Protein backbone atom coordinates (compact mmCIF):
# COMPACT_ATOMS: atom_id res chain seq x y z
CA UNK A 1 4.01 -10.57 13.47
CA UNK A 2 3.57 -6.96 14.62
CA UNK A 3 4.33 -5.00 17.76
CA UNK A 4 0.69 -4.93 18.82
CA UNK A 5 0.67 -8.61 19.75
CA UNK A 6 2.50 -8.10 23.03
CA UNK A 7 5.37 -10.30 21.89
CA UNK A 8 8.78 -9.71 23.45
CA UNK A 9 10.38 -10.25 20.04
CA UNK A 10 11.73 -7.45 17.89
CA UNK A 11 10.86 -6.77 14.27
CA UNK A 12 13.09 -5.82 11.36
CA UNK A 13 12.05 -2.97 9.08
CA UNK A 14 13.65 -1.29 6.09
CA UNK A 15 13.66 2.52 6.14
CA UNK A 16 14.12 4.69 3.06
CA UNK A 17 14.37 8.42 2.50
CA UNK A 18 11.12 9.78 1.12
CA UNK A 19 12.41 9.99 -2.46
CA UNK A 20 12.66 7.80 -5.59
CA UNK A 21 15.47 5.23 -5.71
CA UNK A 22 16.43 5.73 -2.06
CA UNK A 23 18.73 3.19 -0.41
CA UNK A 24 17.03 1.15 2.29
CA UNK A 25 18.61 0.75 5.71
CA UNK A 26 17.80 -2.07 8.12
CA UNK A 27 16.75 -1.15 11.65
CA UNK A 28 15.49 -3.34 14.47
CA UNK A 29 12.39 -2.13 16.33
CA UNK A 30 12.31 -3.59 19.82
CA UNK A 31 9.05 -4.27 21.59
CA UNK A 32 8.32 -1.35 23.90
CA UNK A 33 10.29 1.17 21.86
CA UNK A 34 8.70 4.63 21.82
CA UNK A 35 7.53 6.12 18.52
CA UNK A 36 9.77 9.19 18.79
CA UNK A 37 12.76 6.97 19.44
CA UNK A 38 12.00 4.97 16.29
CA UNK A 39 11.81 8.18 14.25
CA UNK A 40 15.09 9.39 15.73
CA UNK A 41 16.77 6.07 14.95
CA UNK A 42 15.45 6.09 11.38
CA UNK A 43 16.50 9.70 10.90
CA UNK A 44 20.00 8.96 12.16
CA UNK A 45 20.32 6.00 9.78
CA UNK A 46 19.20 8.11 6.82
CA UNK A 47 20.93 11.38 7.75
CA UNK A 48 17.73 13.43 8.00
CA UNK A 49 15.45 14.88 10.67
CA UNK A 50 12.56 12.43 10.65
CA UNK A 51 9.18 14.12 11.03
CA UNK A 52 6.78 11.83 9.15
CA UNK A 53 6.75 8.10 8.35
CA UNK A 54 4.84 6.42 5.52
CA UNK A 55 4.14 2.82 4.61
CA UNK A 56 4.91 1.63 1.08
CA UNK A 57 1.28 2.22 0.06
CA UNK A 58 1.54 5.88 1.06
CA UNK A 59 -0.42 5.65 4.32
CA UNK A 60 1.09 7.83 7.02
CA UNK A 61 1.69 6.12 10.36
CA UNK A 62 2.11 7.74 13.76
CA UNK A 63 2.64 4.79 16.10
CA UNK A 64 4.12 1.30 16.27
CA UNK A 65 0.82 -0.59 16.27
CA UNK A 66 0.67 -1.31 12.54
CA UNK A 67 4.37 -2.02 11.99
CA UNK A 68 5.13 -5.59 10.93
CA UNK A 69 8.30 -7.54 10.30
CA UNK A 70 10.07 -6.64 7.01
CA UNK A 71 7.89 -3.55 6.44
CA UNK A 72 9.19 -0.95 3.98
CA UNK A 73 8.93 2.51 5.59
CA UNK A 74 9.55 5.88 3.95
CA UNK A 75 10.80 8.65 6.22
CA UNK A 76 10.19 12.32 5.46
CA UNK A 77 11.54 15.55 6.96
CA UNK A 78 8.19 17.19 6.19
CA UNK A 79 6.89 16.69 2.61
CA UNK A 80 4.09 14.32 1.66
CA UNK A 81 4.77 10.78 0.44
CA UNK A 82 6.83 11.12 -2.74
CA UNK A 83 4.67 8.73 -4.80
CA UNK A 84 1.44 10.71 -4.32
CA UNK A 85 1.99 12.95 -7.35
CA UNK A 86 2.86 9.95 -9.50
CA UNK A 87 -0.22 8.06 -8.36
CA UNK A 88 -2.46 10.95 -9.37
CA UNK A 89 -1.15 10.45 -12.90
CA UNK A 90 -1.94 6.74 -12.66
CA UNK A 91 1.68 5.65 -12.25
CA UNK A 92 2.23 2.79 -9.85
CA UNK A 93 -1.35 1.62 -9.61
CA UNK A 94 -1.53 -2.15 -9.60
CA UNK A 95 2.26 -2.30 -9.69
CA UNK A 96 3.88 -5.67 -9.10
CA UNK A 97 6.40 -5.95 -6.28
CA UNK A 98 9.19 -8.53 -6.04
CA UNK A 99 12.09 -9.16 -3.66
CA UNK A 100 15.40 -10.50 -4.97
CA UNK A 101 18.38 -11.57 -2.83
CA UNK A 102 21.91 -11.10 -4.17
CA UNK A 103 24.08 -13.86 -2.71
CA UNK A 104 27.69 -14.98 -2.86
CA UNK A 105 30.95 -14.93 -0.95
CA UNK A 106 32.81 -11.71 -0.08
CA UNK A 107 34.56 -9.60 -2.70
CA UNK A 108 32.75 -10.87 -5.79
CA UNK A 109 31.03 -7.54 -6.51
CA UNK A 110 27.50 -8.00 -5.14
CA UNK A 111 27.23 -4.39 -3.94
CA UNK A 112 28.82 -3.09 -7.14
CA UNK A 113 26.27 -4.98 -9.25
CA UNK A 114 23.38 -3.77 -7.10
CA UNK A 115 24.47 -0.12 -7.22
CA UNK A 116 25.07 -0.33 -10.97
CA UNK A 117 21.48 -1.50 -11.40
CA UNK A 118 19.90 0.90 -8.89
CA UNK A 119 21.90 4.06 -9.63
CA UNK A 120 23.89 3.24 -12.76
CA UNK A 121 27.17 4.04 -11.01
CA UNK A 122 30.32 2.04 -10.30
CA UNK A 123 31.71 2.18 -6.78
CA UNK A 124 35.28 0.93 -6.65
CA UNK A 125 35.60 0.96 -2.85
CA UNK A 126 32.68 -0.06 -0.66
CA UNK A 127 32.55 -0.94 3.01
CA UNK A 128 31.78 -4.64 3.51
CA UNK A 129 28.02 -5.07 3.50
CA UNK A 130 26.08 -6.68 6.31
CA UNK A 131 22.66 -6.20 4.76
CA UNK A 132 21.32 -3.33 2.63
CA UNK A 133 18.00 -3.07 0.84
CA UNK A 134 17.33 -1.06 -2.30
CA UNK A 135 14.14 -0.46 -4.24
CA UNK A 136 13.64 0.53 -7.85
CA UNK A 137 10.65 0.78 -10.16
CA UNK A 138 11.43 -0.63 -13.59
CA UNK A 139 9.60 -1.47 -16.78
CA UNK A 140 9.97 -5.06 -17.92
CA UNK A 141 8.28 -6.10 -21.14
CA UNK A 142 6.00 -3.02 -21.12
CA UNK A 143 4.81 -3.67 -17.56
CA UNK A 144 5.91 -1.68 -14.51
CA UNK A 145 7.08 -3.39 -11.33
CA UNK A 146 8.79 -2.51 -8.08
CA UNK A 147 11.94 -4.51 -7.35
CA UNK A 148 13.51 -4.72 -3.90
CA UNK A 149 17.14 -5.85 -3.98
CA UNK A 150 18.61 -7.32 -0.80
CA UNK A 151 22.40 -6.92 -0.95
CA UNK A 152 23.95 -9.37 1.52
CA UNK A 153 27.23 -10.07 3.26
CA UNK A 154 29.59 -12.72 1.94
CA UNK A 155 31.90 -13.00 4.93
CA UNK A 156 31.84 -16.20 6.98
CA UNK A 157 31.05 -14.10 10.08
CA UNK A 158 27.46 -13.86 8.86
CA UNK A 159 26.74 -17.49 8.02
CA UNK A 160 23.88 -17.59 10.52
CA UNK A 161 22.04 -14.83 8.63
CA UNK A 162 21.93 -16.65 5.30
CA UNK A 163 18.59 -18.40 5.89
CA UNK A 164 17.00 -15.05 6.77
CA UNK A 165 18.26 -13.59 3.48
CA UNK A 166 16.74 -16.44 1.48
CA UNK A 167 13.38 -17.12 3.13
CA UNK A 168 10.30 -15.76 1.31
CA UNK A 169 12.28 -14.22 -1.55
CA UNK A 170 10.99 -14.29 -5.12
CA UNK A 171 14.34 -14.97 -6.82
CA UNK A 172 18.06 -15.30 -6.13
CA UNK A 173 21.07 -13.87 -7.94
CA UNK A 174 24.08 -16.10 -7.22
CA UNK A 175 27.27 -14.10 -7.84
CA UNK A 176 30.86 -15.29 -8.21
CA UNK A 177 33.99 -13.65 -9.56
CA UNK A 178 35.53 -14.94 -12.77
CA UNK A 179 38.87 -14.30 -11.05
CA UNK A 180 38.21 -16.81 -8.28
CA UNK A 181 37.38 -20.51 -8.54
CA UNK A 182 36.77 -20.56 -4.80
CA UNK A 183 33.98 -17.99 -5.13
CA UNK A 184 32.26 -20.31 -7.61
CA UNK A 185 32.64 -23.31 -5.28
CA UNK A 186 31.21 -21.26 -2.37
CA UNK A 187 27.89 -20.96 -4.20
CA UNK A 188 27.28 -24.63 -3.38
CA UNK A 189 26.44 -23.65 0.21
CA UNK A 190 23.76 -21.22 -0.98
CA UNK A 191 22.33 -23.79 -3.36
CA UNK A 192 22.10 -26.44 -0.62
CA UNK A 193 20.35 -23.93 1.64
CA UNK A 194 17.97 -23.07 -1.20
CA UNK A 195 17.06 -26.76 -1.56
CA UNK A 196 16.27 -26.98 2.15
CA UNK A 197 14.26 -23.75 2.36
CA UNK A 198 12.36 -24.05 -0.91
CA UNK A 199 11.52 -27.74 -1.06
CA UNK A 200 7.95 -26.85 -2.02
CA UNK A 201 8.56 -23.55 -3.84
CA UNK A 202 9.91 -22.81 -7.29
CA UNK A 203 12.35 -19.93 -6.77
CA UNK A 204 14.29 -18.96 -9.92
CA UNK A 205 18.07 -18.57 -9.76
CA UNK A 206 20.22 -16.40 -12.00
CA UNK A 207 23.91 -17.25 -11.79
CA UNK A 208 26.22 -14.31 -12.47
CA UNK A 209 29.89 -14.54 -13.43
CA UNK A 210 31.05 -11.03 -12.49
CA UNK A 211 34.22 -9.08 -13.34
CA UNK A 212 34.08 -10.04 -17.00
CA UNK A 213 36.00 -6.84 -17.81
CA UNK A 214 39.18 -8.24 -16.22
CA UNK A 215 41.54 -10.26 -18.38
CA UNK A 216 41.90 -14.00 -17.76
CA UNK A 217 44.53 -14.57 -15.12
CA UNK A 218 47.67 -16.55 -15.86
CA UNK A 219 47.17 -18.60 -12.72
CA UNK A 220 44.59 -21.32 -12.22
CA UNK A 221 42.04 -19.10 -10.46
CA UNK A 222 40.31 -17.81 -13.61
CA UNK A 223 36.91 -19.45 -14.16
CA UNK A 224 36.12 -20.26 -17.77
CA UNK A 225 32.70 -19.74 -19.32
CA UNK A 226 32.34 -23.50 -19.69
CA UNK A 227 33.01 -24.11 -15.99
CA UNK A 228 30.46 -21.50 -14.98
CA UNK A 229 27.80 -22.81 -17.34
CA UNK A 230 28.28 -26.36 -16.05
CA UNK A 231 27.58 -25.26 -12.48
CA UNK A 232 24.61 -23.15 -13.59
CA UNK A 233 23.14 -26.18 -15.35
CA UNK A 234 23.56 -28.22 -12.17
CA UNK A 235 21.65 -25.55 -10.21
CA UNK A 236 18.94 -25.19 -12.85
CA UNK A 237 19.98 -21.56 -13.18
CA UNK A 238 20.33 -19.18 -16.09
CA UNK A 239 23.91 -18.03 -16.67
CA UNK A 240 25.15 -14.48 -17.40
CA UNK A 241 28.58 -12.89 -17.48
CA UNK A 242 28.58 -9.32 -16.18
CA UNK A 243 30.79 -6.35 -15.47
CA UNK A 244 29.71 -3.98 -12.71
CA UNK A 245 32.52 -1.72 -13.95
CA UNK A 246 31.13 -1.27 -17.46
CA UNK A 247 27.52 -2.19 -16.68
CA UNK A 248 27.50 -5.02 -19.22
CA UNK A 249 24.46 -7.31 -18.75
CA UNK A 250 23.69 -5.95 -15.26
CA UNK A 251 20.23 -4.61 -16.08
CA UNK A 252 19.53 -7.73 -18.13
CA UNK A 253 20.17 -9.94 -15.07
CA UNK A 254 17.61 -8.21 -12.85
CA UNK A 255 15.02 -7.89 -15.60
CA UNK A 256 15.42 -11.58 -16.38
CA UNK A 257 14.74 -12.26 -12.69
CA UNK A 258 11.43 -10.45 -13.04
CA UNK A 259 10.55 -12.45 -16.17
CA UNK A 260 11.36 -15.73 -14.43
CA UNK A 261 9.30 -14.75 -11.37
CA UNK A 262 6.34 -13.83 -13.55
CA UNK A 263 6.63 -17.09 -15.44
CA UNK A 264 6.53 -19.04 -12.18
CA UNK A 265 3.52 -17.12 -10.89
CA UNK A 266 1.53 -17.31 -14.13
CA UNK A 267 -1.52 -19.58 -13.87
CA UNK A 268 -1.48 -22.74 -15.94
CA UNK A 269 -4.14 -22.63 -18.65
CA UNK A 270 -5.86 -25.98 -19.08
CA UNK A 271 -8.03 -26.98 -22.03
CA UNK A 272 -11.73 -26.50 -21.30
CA UNK A 273 -12.46 -30.01 -22.51
CA UNK A 274 -10.22 -33.09 -22.81
CA UNK A 275 -11.83 -33.84 -26.14
CA UNK A 276 -10.81 -30.56 -27.77
CA UNK A 277 -7.14 -30.02 -27.01
CA UNK A 278 -6.05 -29.32 -30.57
CA UNK A 279 -5.87 -26.08 -32.51
CA UNK A 280 -7.53 -25.53 -35.90
CA UNK A 281 -6.12 -22.85 -38.21
CA UNK A 282 -8.56 -21.56 -40.81
């Protein structure tokens, strides 16, 4: 859906500063909104004076006609689209693009994991997330790809938004804290929603046991590796233990997501003839 259809509905777009690795911010564009007001809203979100707006492919836009729901927009205070110089060197051409949702209850370290992957930093204190989008270009198995990470809220106040965070995504990262059995049990709600939404789609799941750097608690809240692996097996998910604090296994998790997505999208090669399905080694 776009704003040229005459619909009274609003669309959701993600705006980024016109620079590599910029954090995306969600804004809602209401039908009838003026172009200058959209630029002002985007500039306020990003802390810049918005003069130019580009689509993810580098095309500059100057009105609302071509904007569609979930578009990625890059906002500039004057300079050209930041990827243009890279594209002249052949970087980014034919680049794959995937969207991954990071899901789990509040306080398990979803934002910390995301920021460790995107910026390689650890943020000890972070305002509770409602919904933030990040984008990073990475090389996985000698092939470049663009990965959008949707960092979501875990608080019960945002239960109604969970389907929106999971629809049309390429993979999920289910996160729980090794310090909290309840956070592991809460993943069941996300898994049930996944089964409803993706009845006819194969969406890979990576299950992450975060806060590995902390010592096992003396109380009964600590989740053992065996407990975590059992739940991961039930979900058909790969299991990793991570530490956003040290960075252990964080990059591996997101790169494994890309591998699993590629594997699911790869075409199945069938033998050309049913009579010659064997291999001869000379």
